[in-house]
Protein backbone atom coordinates (compact mmCIF):
# COMPACT_ATOMS: atom_id res chain seq x y z
CA MET A 1 27.28 -102.15 62.30
CA PRO A 2 26.27 -105.74 63.20
CA PRO A 3 27.18 -108.53 61.04
CA ALA A 4 24.59 -109.51 58.57
CA PRO A 5 22.41 -112.46 59.34
CA VAL A 6 23.18 -115.61 57.61
CA LEU A 7 20.02 -117.73 57.38
CA GLY A 8 19.66 -121.30 56.07
CA LEU A 9 23.21 -122.53 56.75
CA PRO A 10 24.25 -124.98 59.56
CA LEU A 11 24.87 -123.48 62.81
CA ARG A 12 28.86 -123.99 62.73
CA VAL A 13 28.96 -122.46 59.40
CA ARG A 14 26.90 -119.45 60.50
CA ARG A 15 29.18 -118.79 63.38
CA LEU A 16 32.08 -119.05 61.45
CA ILE A 17 30.69 -116.47 58.84
CA GLU A 18 29.63 -114.21 61.68
CA ARG A 19 33.13 -114.24 63.36
CA THR A 20 34.91 -113.50 60.09
CA GLN A 21 32.49 -110.55 59.49
CA ARG A 22 33.23 -109.07 63.04
CA SER A 23 36.89 -109.66 62.34
CA LEU A 24 36.90 -107.78 59.06
CA LEU A 25 34.68 -105.08 60.73
CA HIS A 26 37.12 -104.83 63.54
CA ARG A 27 40.00 -104.46 61.29
CA LYS A 28 38.19 -102.00 58.93
CA GLY A 29 37.25 -100.05 62.09
CA TRP A 30 40.97 -99.65 62.98
CA ALA A 31 42.01 -98.75 59.32
CA THR A 32 39.22 -96.14 59.52
CA VAL A 33 40.73 -94.53 62.70
CA ALA A 34 44.30 -94.70 61.22
CA ILE A 35 43.06 -92.86 58.08
CA ALA A 36 41.23 -90.33 60.06
CA LEU A 37 44.35 -89.50 62.16
CA SER A 38 46.64 -89.27 59.22
CA MET A 39 44.24 -86.76 57.58
CA ALA A 40 43.90 -84.74 60.58
CA THR A 41 47.52 -84.38 61.00
CA GLY A 42 48.17 -83.74 57.39
CA LEU A 43 50.57 -86.44 56.14
CA PRO A 44 51.49 -89.90 57.54
CA ALA A 45 54.95 -88.49 58.47
CA CYS A 46 56.00 -91.59 60.40
CA ASP A 47 55.10 -93.96 57.43
CA ARG A 48 58.53 -94.60 55.80
CA SER A 49 57.49 -96.99 52.91
CA THR A 50 58.02 -95.20 49.68
CA GLU A 51 55.29 -97.33 48.13
CA SER A 52 52.41 -95.46 50.21
CA ARG A 53 53.72 -92.28 48.89
CA THR A 54 54.63 -92.78 45.36
CA THR A 55 53.00 -94.16 42.19
CA THR A 56 54.28 -94.15 38.64
CA THR A 57 51.04 -92.60 37.05
CA ARG A 58 49.77 -89.58 39.05
CA GLY A 59 48.53 -86.80 36.70
CA GLU A 60 48.24 -83.52 38.01
CA PRO A 61 48.92 -82.90 41.78
CA ASP A 62 45.91 -81.78 44.00
CA ALA A 63 48.35 -79.27 45.63
CA VAL A 64 51.77 -77.79 45.15
CA TYR A 65 53.85 -76.09 47.88
CA VAL A 66 57.07 -74.29 48.22
CA THR A 67 58.74 -74.88 51.70
CA ARG A 68 62.19 -74.14 53.16
CA GLY A 69 63.99 -76.38 55.45
CA ARG A 70 67.51 -78.08 56.37
CA ILE A 71 68.71 -81.25 55.00
CA GLU A 72 68.97 -83.93 57.74
CA GLN A 73 69.90 -86.94 55.36
CA LEU A 74 70.50 -87.53 51.54
CA PRO A 75 69.78 -90.72 49.84
CA PRO A 76 72.35 -93.02 49.09
CA PRO A 77 73.09 -93.07 45.40
CA GLU A 78 72.48 -96.69 44.89
CA ARG A 79 69.03 -96.44 46.13
CA ARG A 80 66.30 -96.68 43.36
CA ASP A 81 63.61 -95.25 45.87
CA ARG A 82 65.42 -92.14 46.54
CA GLU A 83 64.20 -90.13 49.60
CA ILE A 84 65.60 -86.99 51.31
CA LEU A 85 64.99 -86.28 54.96
CA ILE A 86 64.26 -82.58 55.66
CA HIS A 87 63.38 -80.66 58.78
CA HIS A 88 61.04 -78.11 57.12
CA GLU A 89 59.42 -75.06 58.29
CA ALA A 90 55.57 -74.84 58.83
CA VAL A 91 53.26 -74.95 55.87
CA PRO A 92 50.12 -72.93 56.92
CA GLU A 93 48.50 -73.10 53.63
CA PHE A 94 48.56 -77.16 53.58
CA THR A 95 45.32 -78.61 52.58
CA ASN A 96 43.89 -82.12 53.63
CA SER A 97 42.26 -84.42 51.26
CA GLU A 98 38.86 -82.88 51.55
CA GLY A 99 40.42 -79.37 50.60
CA ALA A 100 40.24 -77.82 54.13
CA VAL A 101 43.16 -75.64 55.04
CA VAL A 102 44.74 -77.68 57.97
CA GLY A 103 48.08 -76.50 57.93
CA MET A 104 51.28 -78.58 58.69
CA GLY A 105 53.70 -77.62 61.66
CA VAL A 106 57.47 -77.66 61.61
CA MET A 107 58.66 -81.33 61.32
CA VAL A 108 61.23 -83.59 60.03
CA MET A 109 59.83 -85.59 57.07
CA HIS A 110 60.83 -88.05 54.52
CA PHE A 111 60.28 -86.73 50.96
CA PRO A 112 60.65 -89.11 47.83
CA LEU A 113 62.52 -87.07 45.12
CA ALA A 114 61.15 -86.89 41.43
CA LYS A 115 63.49 -88.68 39.13
CA SER A 116 64.44 -85.28 37.53
CA VAL A 117 65.74 -83.87 41.14
CA ALA A 118 69.42 -84.09 41.50
CA THR A 119 70.94 -84.03 44.78
CA ASP A 120 74.79 -84.08 43.87
CA SER A 121 75.52 -80.49 44.76
CA LEU A 122 73.53 -80.76 48.22
CA ARG A 123 74.98 -81.60 51.70
CA VAL A 124 73.56 -82.35 55.01
CA GLY A 125 72.84 -79.10 57.06
CA ASP A 126 72.24 -77.12 53.99
CA ALA A 127 69.43 -74.79 54.07
CA VAL A 128 67.04 -75.40 50.91
CA GLU A 129 63.85 -74.25 49.32
CA PHE A 130 62.04 -77.08 47.57
CA GLU A 131 58.87 -77.40 45.56
CA TRP A 132 56.71 -80.52 46.34
CA ALA A 133 53.55 -81.79 45.04
CA VAL A 134 50.75 -83.88 47.00
CA TRP A 135 48.12 -86.18 45.40
CA TRP A 136 45.09 -87.27 47.31
CA GLY A 137 43.43 -89.76 44.95
CA ARG A 138 42.47 -93.14 46.15
CA ASP A 139 44.93 -94.93 43.98
CA VAL A 140 47.61 -92.27 43.70
CA ARG A 141 48.06 -90.78 47.27
CA GLY A 142 51.63 -89.44 47.82
CA TRP A 143 53.95 -86.73 47.67
CA GLU A 144 57.18 -85.92 46.05
CA ILE A 145 59.68 -83.12 45.78
CA ARG A 146 59.83 -81.73 42.12
CA SER A 147 62.71 -79.12 42.58
CA ILE A 148 65.18 -78.29 45.39
CA ASP A 149 67.66 -75.29 45.57
CA ARG A 150 70.25 -74.59 48.12
CA LEU A 151 69.70 -71.10 49.91
CA PRO A 152 72.74 -68.94 50.89
CA ALA A 153 74.74 -69.88 53.80
CA GLY A 154 73.37 -68.18 56.92
CA THR A 155 69.87 -68.26 55.87
CA GLU A 156 67.66 -68.09 58.83
CA LEU A 157 65.04 -70.84 59.03
CA ARG A 158 61.99 -70.85 61.40
CA LEU A 159 62.36 -74.59 62.52
CA GLY A 160 61.31 -74.02 66.22
CA LYS A 161 57.99 -75.15 67.85
CA SER A 162 55.09 -74.15 65.52
CA THR A 163 51.31 -74.37 65.40
CA PRO A 164 49.96 -74.69 61.79
């Protein structure tokens, strides 16, 4: 999309406005590519900022999943933005923001924890089953674990390579 023409202003001002429009278009273009890539792959798993995944007023989630995995890292107790790192099994029924089933492969992923979720009895290396919710709204995009339970010792998990 070419910048909109700016008529009736001095040439120097028009050029400044056109450069600014091109710059904004350029940045918006990269943002669109980044969003499209994150939607195509499910969730932005490499994004570690809790702000992008959690908000205070979300309403009902767009989807809820029950998944199994192995705890890789527990949150330090003093952290307010508690996250847990889990190597999880594939989630073949995972849907993107448009509602299309795209699946999610086996991966290691950070999950914010709902305030009600306790991790005191969990240890790194534990096999767990957890329920997590996803929101796709413009102002409330995110995900979080709503409940987590330790599985019996020796539970086999499917954590090898997988295609969703």
